[in-house]
Amino acid sequence: DWAIPPTPPGLAGRLERFLGPGKTRAES
């Protein structure tokens, strides 16, 4: 699954992109 989910704008989105968008609860 290479589909990258959308990320929110601003700092939250930058942090999510830094860590990897679409992380599952199991991965966390």
mmCIF file of all heavy atoms, coordinates in Angstrom:
data_MODEL
# 
_entry.id   MODEL 
# 
loop_
_atom_site.group_PDB 
_atom_site.id 
_atom_site.type_symbol 
_atom_site.label_atom_id 
_atom_site.label_alt_id 
_atom_site.label_comp_id 
_atom_site.label_asym_id 
_atom_site.label_entity_id 
_atom_site.label_seq_id 
_atom_site.pdbx_PDB_ins_code 
_atom_site.Cartn_x 
_atom_site.Cartn_y 
_atom_site.Cartn_z 
_atom_site.occupancy 
_atom_site.B_iso_or_equiv 
_atom_site.pdbx_formal_charge 
_atom_site.auth_seq_id 
_atom_site.auth_comp_id 
_atom_site.auth_asym_id 
_atom_site.auth_atom_id 
_atom_site.pdbx_PDB_model_num 
ATOM 1   N N   . ASP A 1 1  ? 0.843  -1.204 0.000  1.00 0.00 ? 1  ASP A N   1 
ATOM 2   C CA  . ASP A 1 1  ? 0.000  0.000  0.000  1.00 0.00 ? 1  ASP A CA  1 
ATOM 3   C C   . ASP A 1 1  ? 0.872  1.245  0.000  1.00 0.00 ? 1  ASP A C   1 
ATOM 4   O O   . ASP A 1 1  ? 1.407  1.656  1.031  1.00 0.00 ? 1  ASP A O   1 
ATOM 5   C CB  . ASP A 1 1  ? -0.914 -0.010 1.235  1.00 0.00 ? 1  ASP A CB  1 
ATOM 6   C CG  . ASP A 1 1  ? -1.868 1.173  1.253  1.00 0.00 ? 1  ASP A CG  1 
ATOM 7   O OD1 . ASP A 1 1  ? -1.926 1.904  0.244  1.00 0.00 ? 1  ASP A OD1 1 
ATOM 8   O OD2 . ASP A 1 1  ? -2.543 1.369  2.278  1.00 0.00 ? 1  ASP A OD2 1 
ATOM 9   N N   . TRP A 1 2  ? 1.025  1.869  -1.182 1.00 0.00 ? 2  TRP A N   1 
ATOM 10  C CA  . TRP A 1 2  ? 1.835  3.079  -1.319 1.00 0.00 ? 2  TRP A CA  1 
ATOM 11  C C   . TRP A 1 2  ? 1.004  4.353  -1.210 1.00 0.00 ? 2  TRP A C   1 
ATOM 12  O O   . TRP A 1 2  ? 1.542  5.451  -1.338 1.00 0.00 ? 2  TRP A O   1 
ATOM 13  C CB  . TRP A 1 2  ? 2.571  3.081  -2.663 1.00 0.00 ? 2  TRP A CB  1 
ATOM 14  C CG  . TRP A 1 2  ? 3.746  2.163  -2.720 1.00 0.00 ? 2  TRP A CG  1 
ATOM 15  C CD1 . TRP A 1 2  ? 3.814  0.949  -3.332 1.00 0.00 ? 2  TRP A CD1 1 
ATOM 16  C CD2 . TRP A 1 2  ? 5.030  2.377  -2.128 1.00 0.00 ? 2  TRP A CD2 1 
ATOM 17  N NE1 . TRP A 1 2  ? 5.059  0.393  -3.174 1.00 0.00 ? 2  TRP A NE1 1 
ATOM 18  C CE2 . TRP A 1 2  ? 5.827  1.256  -2.441 1.00 0.00 ? 2  TRP A CE2 1 
ATOM 19  C CE3 . TRP A 1 2  ? 5.587  3.416  -1.382 1.00 0.00 ? 2  TRP A CE3 1 
ATOM 20  C CZ2 . TRP A 1 2  ? 7.156  1.136  -2.023 1.00 0.00 ? 2  TRP A CZ2 1 
ATOM 21  C CZ3 . TRP A 1 2  ? 6.916  3.301  -0.955 1.00 0.00 ? 2  TRP A CZ3 1 
ATOM 22  C CH2 . TRP A 1 2  ? 7.675  2.174  -1.277 1.00 0.00 ? 2  TRP A CH2 1 
ATOM 23  N N   . ALA A 1 3  ? -0.289 4.233  -0.979 1.00 0.00 ? 3  ALA A N   1 
ATOM 24  C CA  . ALA A 1 3  ? -1.160 5.413  -0.932 1.00 0.00 ? 3  ALA A CA  1 
ATOM 25  C C   . ALA A 1 3  ? -0.850 6.243  0.311  1.00 0.00 ? 3  ALA A C   1 
ATOM 26  O O   . ALA A 1 3  ? -0.954 5.754  1.439  1.00 0.00 ? 3  ALA A O   1 
ATOM 27  C CB  . ALA A 1 3  ? -2.615 4.986  -0.933 1.00 0.00 ? 3  ALA A CB  1 
ATOM 28  N N   . ILE A 1 4  ? -0.474 7.501  0.104  1.00 0.00 ? 4  ILE A N   1 
ATOM 29  C CA  . ILE A 1 4  ? -0.154 8.401  1.214  1.00 0.00 ? 4  ILE A CA  1 
ATOM 30  C C   . ILE A 1 4  ? -1.395 9.205  1.560  1.00 0.00 ? 4  ILE A C   1 
ATOM 31  O O   . ILE A 1 4  ? -1.922 9.944  0.725  1.00 0.00 ? 4  ILE A O   1 
ATOM 32  C CB  . ILE A 1 4  ? 0.996  9.338  0.834  1.00 0.00 ? 4  ILE A CB  1 
ATOM 33  C CG1 . ILE A 1 4  ? 2.253  8.522  0.512  1.00 0.00 ? 4  ILE A CG1 1 
ATOM 34  C CG2 . ILE A 1 4  ? 1.280  10.333 1.962  1.00 0.00 ? 4  ILE A CG2 1 
ATOM 35  C CD1 . ILE A 1 4  ? 3.403  9.348  -0.018 1.00 0.00 ? 4  ILE A CD1 1 
ATOM 36  N N   . PRO A 1 5  ? -1.893 9.093  2.771  1.00 0.00 ? 5  PRO A N   1 
ATOM 37  C CA  . PRO A 1 5  ? -3.100 9.842  3.144  1.00 0.00 ? 5  PRO A CA  1 
ATOM 38  C C   . PRO A 1 5  ? -2.803 11.326 3.245  1.00 0.00 ? 5  PRO A C   1 
ATOM 39  O O   . PRO A 1 5  ? -1.654 11.734 3.457  1.00 0.00 ? 5  PRO A O   1 
ATOM 40  C CB  . PRO A 1 5  ? -3.467 9.251  4.515  1.00 0.00 ? 5  PRO A CB  1 
ATOM 41  C CG  . PRO A 1 5  ? -2.181 8.742  5.056  1.00 0.00 ? 5  PRO A CG  1 
ATOM 42  C CD  . PRO A 1 5  ? -1.394 8.264  3.876  1.00 0.00 ? 5  PRO A CD  1 
ATOM 43  N N   . PRO A 1 6  ? -3.814 12.171 3.086  1.00 0.00 ? 6  PRO A N   1 
ATOM 44  C CA  . PRO A 1 6  ? -3.605 13.619 3.222  1.00 0.00 ? 6  PRO A CA  1 
ATOM 45  C C   . PRO A 1 6  ? -3.200 13.975 4.646  1.00 0.00 ? 6  PRO A C   1 
ATOM 46  O O   . PRO A 1 6  ? -3.551 13.288 5.608  1.00 0.00 ? 6  PRO A O   1 
ATOM 47  C CB  . PRO A 1 6  ? -4.968 14.204 2.853  1.00 0.00 ? 6  PRO A CB  1 
ATOM 48  C CG  . PRO A 1 6  ? -5.948 13.098 3.077  1.00 0.00 ? 6  PRO A CG  1 
ATOM 49  C CD  . PRO A 1 6  ? -5.223 11.827 2.785  1.00 0.00 ? 6  PRO A CD  1 
ATOM 50  N N   . THR A 1 7  ? -2.449 15.055 4.768  1.00 0.00 ? 7  THR A N   1 
ATOM 51  C CA  . THR A 1 7  ? -1.996 15.520 6.080  1.00 0.00 ? 7  THR A CA  1 
ATOM 52  C C   . THR A 1 7  ? -2.554 16.915 6.345  1.00 0.00 ? 7  THR A C   1 
ATOM 53  O O   . THR A 1 7  ? -2.805 17.683 5.410  1.00 0.00 ? 7  THR A O   1 
ATOM 54  C CB  . THR A 1 7  ? -0.468 15.569 6.153  1.00 0.00 ? 7  THR A CB  1 
ATOM 55  O OG1 . THR A 1 7  ? 0.024  16.372 5.071  1.00 0.00 ? 7  THR A OG1 1 
ATOM 56  C CG2 . THR A 1 7  ? 0.125  14.181 6.039  1.00 0.00 ? 7  THR A CG2 1 
ATOM 57  N N   . PRO A 1 8  ? -2.756 17.255 7.611  1.00 0.00 ? 8  PRO A N   1 
ATOM 58  C CA  . PRO A 1 8  ? -3.314 18.577 7.926  1.00 0.00 ? 8  PRO A CA  1 
ATOM 59  C C   . PRO A 1 8  ? -2.298 19.687 7.662  1.00 0.00 ? 8  PRO A C   1 
ATOM 60  O O   . PRO A 1 8  ? -1.095 19.432 7.585  1.00 0.00 ? 8  PRO A O   1 
ATOM 61  C CB  . PRO A 1 8  ? -3.634 18.463 9.426  1.00 0.00 ? 8  PRO A CB  1 
ATOM 62  C CG  . PRO A 1 8  ? -2.697 17.419 9.923  1.00 0.00 ? 8  PRO A CG  1 
ATOM 63  C CD  . PRO A 1 8  ? -2.526 16.434 8.811  1.00 0.00 ? 8  PRO A CD  1 
ATOM 64  N N   . PRO A 1 9  ? -2.769 20.913 7.528  1.00 0.00 ? 9  PRO A N   1 
ATOM 65  C CA  . PRO A 1 9  ? -1.839 22.035 7.325  1.00 0.00 ? 9  PRO A CA  1 
ATOM 66  C C   . PRO A 1 9  ? -1.134 22.391 8.628  1.00 0.00 ? 9  PRO A C   1 
ATOM 67  O O   . PRO A 1 9  ? -1.510 21.945 9.716  1.00 0.00 ? 9  PRO A O   1 
ATOM 68  C CB  . PRO A 1 9  ? -2.769 23.170 6.875  1.00 0.00 ? 9  PRO A CB  1 
ATOM 69  C CG  . PRO A 1 9  ? -4.091 22.834 7.501  1.00 0.00 ? 9  PRO A CG  1 
ATOM 70  C CD  . PRO A 1 9  ? -4.175 21.335 7.510  1.00 0.00 ? 9  PRO A CD  1 
ATOM 71  N N   . GLY A 1 10 ? -0.100 23.205 8.487  1.00 0.00 ? 10 GLY A N   1 
ATOM 72  C CA  . GLY A 1 10 ? 0.567  23.741 9.664  1.00 0.00 ? 10 GLY A CA  1 
ATOM 73  C C   . GLY A 1 10 ? 1.543  22.775 10.311 1.00 0.00 ? 10 GLY A C   1 
ATOM 74  O O   . GLY A 1 10 ? 1.997  21.791 9.720  1.00 0.00 ? 10 GLY A O   1 
ATOM 75  N N   . LEU A 1 11 ? 1.854  23.068 11.570 1.00 0.00 ? 11 LEU A N   1 
ATOM 76  C CA  . LEU A 1 11 ? 2.856  22.310 12.304 1.00 0.00 ? 11 LEU A CA  1 
ATOM 77  C C   . LEU A 1 11 ? 2.479  20.843 12.442 1.00 0.00 ? 11 LEU A C   1 
ATOM 78  O O   . LEU A 1 11 ? 3.331  19.952 12.331 1.00 0.00 ? 11 LEU A O   1 
ATOM 79  C CB  . LEU A 1 11 ? 3.053  22.933 13.695 1.00 0.00 ? 11 LEU A CB  1 
ATOM 80  C CG  . LEU A 1 11 ? 4.090  22.256 14.592 1.00 0.00 ? 11 LEU A CG  1 
ATOM 81  C CD1 . LEU A 1 11 ? 5.463  22.294 13.947 1.00 0.00 ? 11 LEU A CD1 1 
ATOM 82  C CD2 . LEU A 1 11 ? 4.119  22.931 15.966 1.00 0.00 ? 11 LEU A CD2 1 
ATOM 83  N N   . ALA A 1 12 ? 1.193  20.568 12.682 1.00 0.00 ? 12 ALA A N   1 
ATOM 84  C CA  . ALA A 1 12 ? 0.755  19.173 12.835 1.00 0.00 ? 12 ALA A CA  1 
ATOM 85  C C   . ALA A 1 12 ? 1.041  18.371 11.571 1.00 0.00 ? 12 ALA A C   1 
ATOM 86  O O   . ALA A 1 12 ? 1.482  17.216 11.634 1.00 0.00 ? 12 ALA A O   1 
ATOM 87  C CB  . ALA A 1 12 ? -0.728 19.129 13.173 1.00 0.00 ? 12 ALA A CB  1 
ATOM 88  N N   . GLY A 1 13 ? 0.794  18.984 10.415 1.00 0.00 ? 13 GLY A N   1 
ATOM 89  C CA  . GLY A 1 13 ? 1.048  18.295 9.157  1.00 0.00 ? 13 GLY A CA  1 
ATOM 90  C C   . GLY A 1 13 ? 2.538  18.071 8.924  1.00 0.00 ? 13 GLY A C   1 
ATOM 91  O O   . GLY A 1 13 ? 2.945  17.004 8.448  1.00 0.00 ? 13 GLY A O   1 
ATOM 92  N N   . ARG A 1 14 ? 3.362  19.072 9.263  1.00 0.00 ? 14 ARG A N   1 
ATOM 93  C CA  . ARG A 1 14 ? 4.808  18.908 9.089  1.00 0.00 ? 14 ARG A CA  1 
ATOM 94  C C   . ARG A 1 14 ? 5.346  17.802 9.981  1.00 0.00 ? 14 ARG A C   1 
ATOM 95  O O   . ARG A 1 14 ? 6.194  17.011 9.560  1.00 0.00 ? 14 ARG A O   1 
ATOM 96  C CB  . ARG A 1 14 ? 5.523  20.232 9.381  1.00 0.00 ? 14 ARG A CB  1 
ATOM 97  C CG  . ARG A 1 14 ? 5.331  21.285 8.298  1.00 0.00 ? 14 ARG A CG  1 
ATOM 98  C CD  . ARG A 1 14 ? 6.345  22.398 8.425  1.00 0.00 ? 14 ARG A CD  1 
ATOM 99  N NE  . ARG A 1 14 ? 6.137  23.177 9.640  1.00 0.00 ? 14 ARG A NE  1 
ATOM 100 C CZ  . ARG A 1 14 ? 5.339  24.236 9.731  1.00 0.00 ? 14 ARG A CZ  1 
ATOM 101 N NH1 . ARG A 1 14 ? 4.642  24.624 8.661  1.00 0.00 ? 14 ARG A NH1 1 
ATOM 102 N NH2 . ARG A 1 14 ? 5.226  24.907 10.856 1.00 0.00 ? 14 ARG A NH2 1 
ATOM 103 N N   . LEU A 1 15 ? 4.859  17.728 11.211 1.00 0.00 ? 15 LEU A N   1 
ATOM 104 C CA  . LEU A 1 15 ? 5.296  16.672 12.114 1.00 0.00 ? 15 LEU A CA  1 
ATOM 105 C C   . LEU A 1 15 ? 4.859  15.302 11.602 1.00 0.00 ? 15 LEU A C   1 
ATOM 106 O O   . LEU A 1 15 ? 5.629  14.337 11.639 1.00 0.00 ? 15 LEU A O   1 
ATOM 107 C CB  . LEU A 1 15 ? 4.723  16.916 13.512 1.00 0.00 ? 15 LEU A CB  1 
ATOM 108 C CG  . LEU A 1 15 ? 5.052  15.843 14.565 1.00 0.00 ? 15 LEU A CG  1 
ATOM 109 C CD1 . LEU A 1 15 ? 6.562  15.762 14.769 1.00 0.00 ? 15 LEU A CD1 1 
ATOM 110 C CD2 . LEU A 1 15 ? 4.338  16.146 15.878 1.00 0.00 ? 15 LEU A CD2 1 
ATOM 111 N N   . GLU A 1 16 ? 3.635  15.222 11.091 1.00 0.00 ? 16 GLU A N   1 
ATOM 112 C CA  . GLU A 1 16 ? 3.129  13.947 10.576 1.00 0.00 ? 16 GLU A CA  1 
ATOM 113 C C   . GLU A 1 16 ? 3.939  13.495 9.370  1.00 0.00 ? 16 GLU A C   1 
ATOM 114 O O   . GLU A 1 16 ? 4.242  12.308 9.220  1.00 0.00 ? 16 GLU A O   1 
ATOM 115 C CB  . GLU A 1 16 ? 1.651  14.086 10.208 1.00 0.00 ? 16 GLU A CB  1 
ATOM 116 C CG  . GLU A 1 16 ? 0.964  12.757 9.952  1.00 0.00 ? 16 GLU A CG  1 
ATOM 117 C CD  . GLU A 1 16 ? -0.536 12.896 9.814  1.00 0.00 ? 16 GLU A CD  1 
ATOM 118 O OE1 . GLU A 1 16 ? -1.099 13.846 10.401 1.00 0.00 ? 16 GLU A OE1 1 
ATOM 119 O OE2 . GLU A 1 16 ? -1.137 12.063 9.112  1.00 0.00 ? 16 GLU A OE2 1 
ATOM 120 N N   . ARG A 1 17 ? 4.309  14.453 8.507  1.00 0.00 ? 17 ARG A N   1 
ATOM 121 C CA  . ARG A 1 17 ? 5.121  14.096 7.350  1.00 0.00 ? 17 ARG A CA  1 
ATOM 122 C C   . ARG A 1 17 ? 6.535  13.705 7.759  1.00 0.00 ? 17 ARG A C   1 
ATOM 123 O O   . ARG A 1 17 ? 7.166  12.849 7.135  1.00 0.00 ? 17 ARG A O   1 
ATOM 124 C CB  . ARG A 1 17 ? 5.135  15.245 6.342  1.00 0.00 ? 17 ARG A CB  1 
ATOM 125 C CG  . ARG A 1 17 ? 3.804  15.450 5.629  1.00 0.00 ? 17 ARG A CG  1 
ATOM 126 C CD  . ARG A 1 17 ? 3.911  16.462 4.504  1.00 0.00 ? 17 ARG A CD  1 
ATOM 127 N NE  . ARG A 1 17 ? 4.176  17.799 5.000  1.00 0.00 ? 17 ARG A NE  1 
ATOM 128 C CZ  . ARG A 1 17 ? 3.235  18.653 5.413  1.00 0.00 ? 17 ARG A CZ  1 
ATOM 129 N NH1 . ARG A 1 17 ? 1.955  18.274 5.408  1.00 0.00 ? 17 ARG A NH1 1 
ATOM 130 N NH2 . ARG A 1 17 ? 3.553  19.864 5.829  1.00 0.00 ? 17 ARG A NH2 1 
ATOM 131 N N   . PHE A 1 18 ? 7.061  14.301 8.798  1.00 0.00 ? 18 PHE A N   1 
ATOM 132 C CA  . PHE A 1 18 ? 8.402  13.955 9.273  1.00 0.00 ? 18 PHE A CA  1 
ATOM 133 C C   . PHE A 1 18 ? 8.432  12.525 9.806  1.00 0.00 ? 18 PHE A C   1 
ATOM 134 O O   . PHE A 1 18 ? 9.381  11.768 9.569  1.00 0.00 ? 18 PHE A O   1 
ATOM 135 C CB  . PHE A 1 18 ? 8.835  14.938 10.367 1.00 0.00 ? 18 PHE A CB  1 
ATOM 136 C CG  . PHE A 1 18 ? 10.193 14.645 10.942 1.00 0.00 ? 18 PHE A CG  1 
ATOM 137 C CD1 . PHE A 1 18 ? 11.344 14.900 10.204 1.00 0.00 ? 18 PHE A CD1 1 
ATOM 138 C CD2 . PHE A 1 18 ? 10.322 14.111 12.215 1.00 0.00 ? 18 PHE A CD2 1 
ATOM 139 C CE1 . PHE A 1 18 ? 12.599 14.616 10.736 1.00 0.00 ? 18 PHE A CE1 1 
ATOM 140 C CE2 . PHE A 1 18 ? 11.563 13.829 12.749 1.00 0.00 ? 18 PHE A CE2 1 
ATOM 141 C CZ  . PHE A 1 18 ? 12.712 14.097 12.011 1.00 0.00 ? 18 PHE A CZ  1 
ATOM 142 N N   . LEU A 1 19 ? 7.383  12.132 10.514 1.00 0.00 ? 19 LEU A N   1 
ATOM 143 C CA  . LEU A 1 19 ? 7.326  10.793 11.105 1.00 0.00 ? 19 LEU A CA  1 
ATOM 144 C C   . LEU A 1 19 ? 6.783  9.748  10.141 1.00 0.00 ? 19 LEU A C   1 
ATOM 145 O O   . LEU A 1 19 ? 7.037  8.550  10.314 1.00 0.00 ? 19 LEU A O   1 
ATOM 146 C CB  . LEU A 1 19 ? 6.455  10.821 12.366 1.00 0.00 ? 19 LEU A CB  1 
ATOM 147 C CG  . LEU A 1 19 ? 6.944  11.733 13.497 1.00 0.00 ? 19 LEU A CG  1 
ATOM 148 C CD1 . LEU A 1 19 ? 5.941  11.746 14.633 1.00 0.00 ? 19 LEU A CD1 1 
ATOM 149 C CD2 . LEU A 1 19 ? 8.312  11.305 13.997 1.00 0.00 ? 19 LEU A CD2 1 
ATOM 150 N N   . GLY A 1 20 ? 6.015  10.203 9.136  1.00 0.00 ? 20 GLY A N   1 
ATOM 151 C CA  . GLY A 1 20 ? 5.392  9.289  8.190  1.00 0.00 ? 20 GLY A CA  1 
ATOM 152 C C   . GLY A 1 20 ? 3.883  9.342  8.293  1.00 0.00 ? 20 GLY A C   1 
ATOM 153 O O   . GLY A 1 20 ? 3.330  8.895  9.309  1.00 0.00 ? 20 GLY A O   1 
ATOM 154 N N   . PRO A 1 21 ? 3.194  9.891  7.287  1.00 0.00 ? 21 PRO A N   1 
ATOM 155 C CA  . PRO A 1 21 ? 1.727  9.980  7.341  1.00 0.00 ? 21 PRO A CA  1 
ATOM 156 C C   . PRO A 1 21 ? 1.075  8.598  7.314  1.00 0.00 ? 21 PRO A C   1 
ATOM 157 O O   . PRO A 1 21 ? 1.588  7.673  6.702  1.00 0.00 ? 21 PRO A O   1 
ATOM 158 C CB  . PRO A 1 21 ? 1.380  10.771 6.070  1.00 0.00 ? 21 PRO A CB  1 
ATOM 159 C CG  . PRO A 1 21 ? 2.656  11.406 5.615  1.00 0.00 ? 21 PRO A CG  1 
ATOM 160 C CD  . PRO A 1 21 ? 3.747  10.495 6.063  1.00 0.00 ? 21 PRO A CD  1 
ATOM 161 N N   . GLY A 1 22 ? -0.052 8.492  7.985  1.00 0.00 ? 22 GLY A N   1 
ATOM 162 C CA  . GLY A 1 22 ? -0.840 7.265  7.912  1.00 0.00 ? 22 GLY A CA  1 
ATOM 163 C C   . GLY A 1 22 ? -0.385 6.164  8.850  1.00 0.00 ? 22 GLY A C   1 
ATOM 164 O O   . GLY A 1 22 ? -0.680 4.990  8.610  1.00 0.00 ? 22 GLY A O   1 
ATOM 165 N N   . LYS A 1 23 ? 0.295  6.526  9.916  1.00 0.00 ? 23 LYS A N   1 
ATOM 166 C CA  . LYS A 1 23 ? 0.730  5.504  10.864 1.00 0.00 ? 23 LYS A CA  1 
ATOM 167 C C   . LYS A 1 23 ? -0.480 4.903  11.572 1.00 0.00 ? 23 LYS A C   1 
ATOM 168 O O   . LYS A 1 23 ? -1.370 5.618  12.020 1.00 0.00 ? 23 LYS A O   1 
ATOM 169 C CB  . LYS A 1 23 ? 1.679  6.128  11.891 1.00 0.00 ? 23 LYS A CB  1 
ATOM 170 C CG  . LYS A 1 23 ? 2.365  5.130  12.801 1.00 0.00 ? 23 LYS A CG  1 
ATOM 171 C CD  . LYS A 1 23 ? 3.296  5.850  13.760 1.00 0.00 ? 23 LYS A CD  1 
ATOM 172 C CE  . LYS A 1 23 ? 4.368  6.600  12.995 1.00 0.00 ? 23 LYS A CE  1 
ATOM 173 N NZ  . LYS A 1 23 ? 5.280  7.295  13.923 1.00 0.00 ? 23 LYS A NZ  1 
ATOM 174 N N   . THR A 1 24 ? -0.511 3.582  11.648 1.00 0.00 ? 24 THR A N   1 
ATOM 175 C CA  . THR A 1 24 ? -1.650 2.912  12.280 1.00 0.00 ? 24 THR A CA  1 
ATOM 176 C C   . THR A 1 24 ? -1.493 2.882  13.798 1.00 0.00 ? 24 THR A C   1 
ATOM 177 O O   . THR A 1 24 ? -0.395 3.085  14.330 1.00 0.00 ? 24 THR A O   1 
ATOM 178 C CB  . THR A 1 24 ? -1.779 1.468  11.774 1.00 0.00 ? 24 THR A CB  1 
ATOM 179 O OG1 . THR A 1 24 ? -0.627 0.720  12.187 1.00 0.00 ? 24 THR A OG1 1 
ATOM 180 C CG2 . THR A 1 24 ? -1.888 1.430  10.252 1.00 0.00 ? 24 THR A CG2 1 
ATOM 181 N N   . ARG A 1 25 ? -2.593 2.597  14.472 1.00 0.00 ? 25 ARG A N   1 
ATOM 182 C CA  . ARG A 1 25 ? -2.525 2.462  15.937 1.00 0.00 ? 25 ARG A CA  1 
ATOM 183 C C   . ARG A 1 25 ? -1.609 1.313  16.332 1.00 0.00 ? 25 ARG A C   1 
ATOM 184 O O   . ARG A 1 25 ? -0.918 1.382  17.349 1.00 0.00 ? 25 ARG A O   1 
ATOM 185 C CB  . ARG A 1 25 ? -3.933 2.248  16.505 1.00 0.00 ? 25 ARG A CB  1 
ATOM 186 C CG  . ARG A 1 25 ? -4.814 3.494  16.432 1.00 0.00 ? 25 ARG A CG  1 
ATOM 187 C CD  . ARG A 1 25 ? -6.058 3.323  17.292 1.00 0.00 ? 25 ARG A CD  1 
ATOM 188 N NE  . ARG A 1 25 ? -6.919 2.251  16.831 1.00 0.00 ? 25 ARG A NE  1 
ATOM 189 C CZ  . ARG A 1 25 ? -7.862 2.389  15.911 1.00 0.00 ? 25 ARG A CZ  1 
ATOM 190 N NH1 . ARG A 1 25 ? -8.076 3.578  15.355 1.00 0.00 ? 25 ARG A NH1 1 
ATOM 191 N NH2 . ARG A 1 25 ? -8.619 1.360  15.555 1.00 0.00 ? 25 ARG A NH2 1 
ATOM 192 N N   . ALA A 1 26 ? -1.615 0.249  15.537 1.00 0.00 ? 26 ALA A N   1 
ATOM 193 C CA  . ALA A 1 26 ? -0.745 -0.892 15.845 1.00 0.00 ? 26 ALA A CA  1 
ATOM 194 C C   . ALA A 1 26 ? 0.722  -0.497 15.739 1.00 0.00 ? 26 ALA A C   1 
ATOM 195 O O   . ALA A 1 26 ? 1.539  -0.875 16.595 1.00 0.00 ? 26 ALA A O   1 
ATOM 196 C CB  . ALA A 1 26 ? -1.053 -2.044 14.888 1.00 0.00 ? 26 ALA A CB  1 
ATOM 197 N N   . GLU A 1 27 ? 1.079  0.254  14.707 1.00 0.00 ? 27 GLU A N   1 
ATOM 198 C CA  . GLU A 1 27 ? 2.458  0.717  14.572 1.00 0.00 ? 27 GLU A CA  1 
ATOM 199 C C   . GLU A 1 27 ? 2.844  1.621  15.743 1.00 0.00 ? 27 GLU A C   1 
ATOM 200 O O   . GLU A 1 27 ? 3.948  1.504  16.303 1.00 0.00 ? 27 GLU A O   1 
ATOM 201 C CB  . GLU A 1 27 ? 2.640  1.471  13.251 1.00 0.00 ? 27 GLU A CB  1 
ATOM 202 C CG  . GLU A 1 27 ? 2.687  0.579  12.038 1.00 0.00 ? 27 GLU A CG  1 
ATOM 203 C CD  . GLU A 1 27 ? 2.890  1.362  10.755 1.00 0.00 ? 27 GLU A CD  1 
ATOM 204 O OE1 . GLU A 1 27 ? 2.120  2.301  10.490 1.00 0.00 ? 27 GLU A OE1 1 
ATOM 205 O OE2 . GLU A 1 27 ? 3.837  1.028  10.016 1.00 0.00 ? 27 GLU A OE2 1 
ATOM 206 N N   . SER A 1 28 ? 1.955  2.507  16.114 1.00 0.00 ? 28 SER A N   1 
ATOM 207 C CA  . SER A 1 28 ? 2.232  3.396  17.245 1.00 0.00 ? 28 SER A CA  1 
ATOM 208 C C   . SER A 1 28 ? 2.412  2.617  18.536 1.00 0.00 ? 28 SER A C   1 
ATOM 209 O O   . SER A 1 28 ? 3.275  2.939  19.357 1.00 0.00 ? 28 SER A O   1 
ATOM 210 C CB  . SER A 1 28 ? 1.100  4.420  17.395 1.00 0.00 ? 28 SER A CB  1 
ATOM 211 O OG  . SER A 1 28 ? 1.014  5.259  16.264 1.00 0.00 ? 28 SER A OG  1 
# 
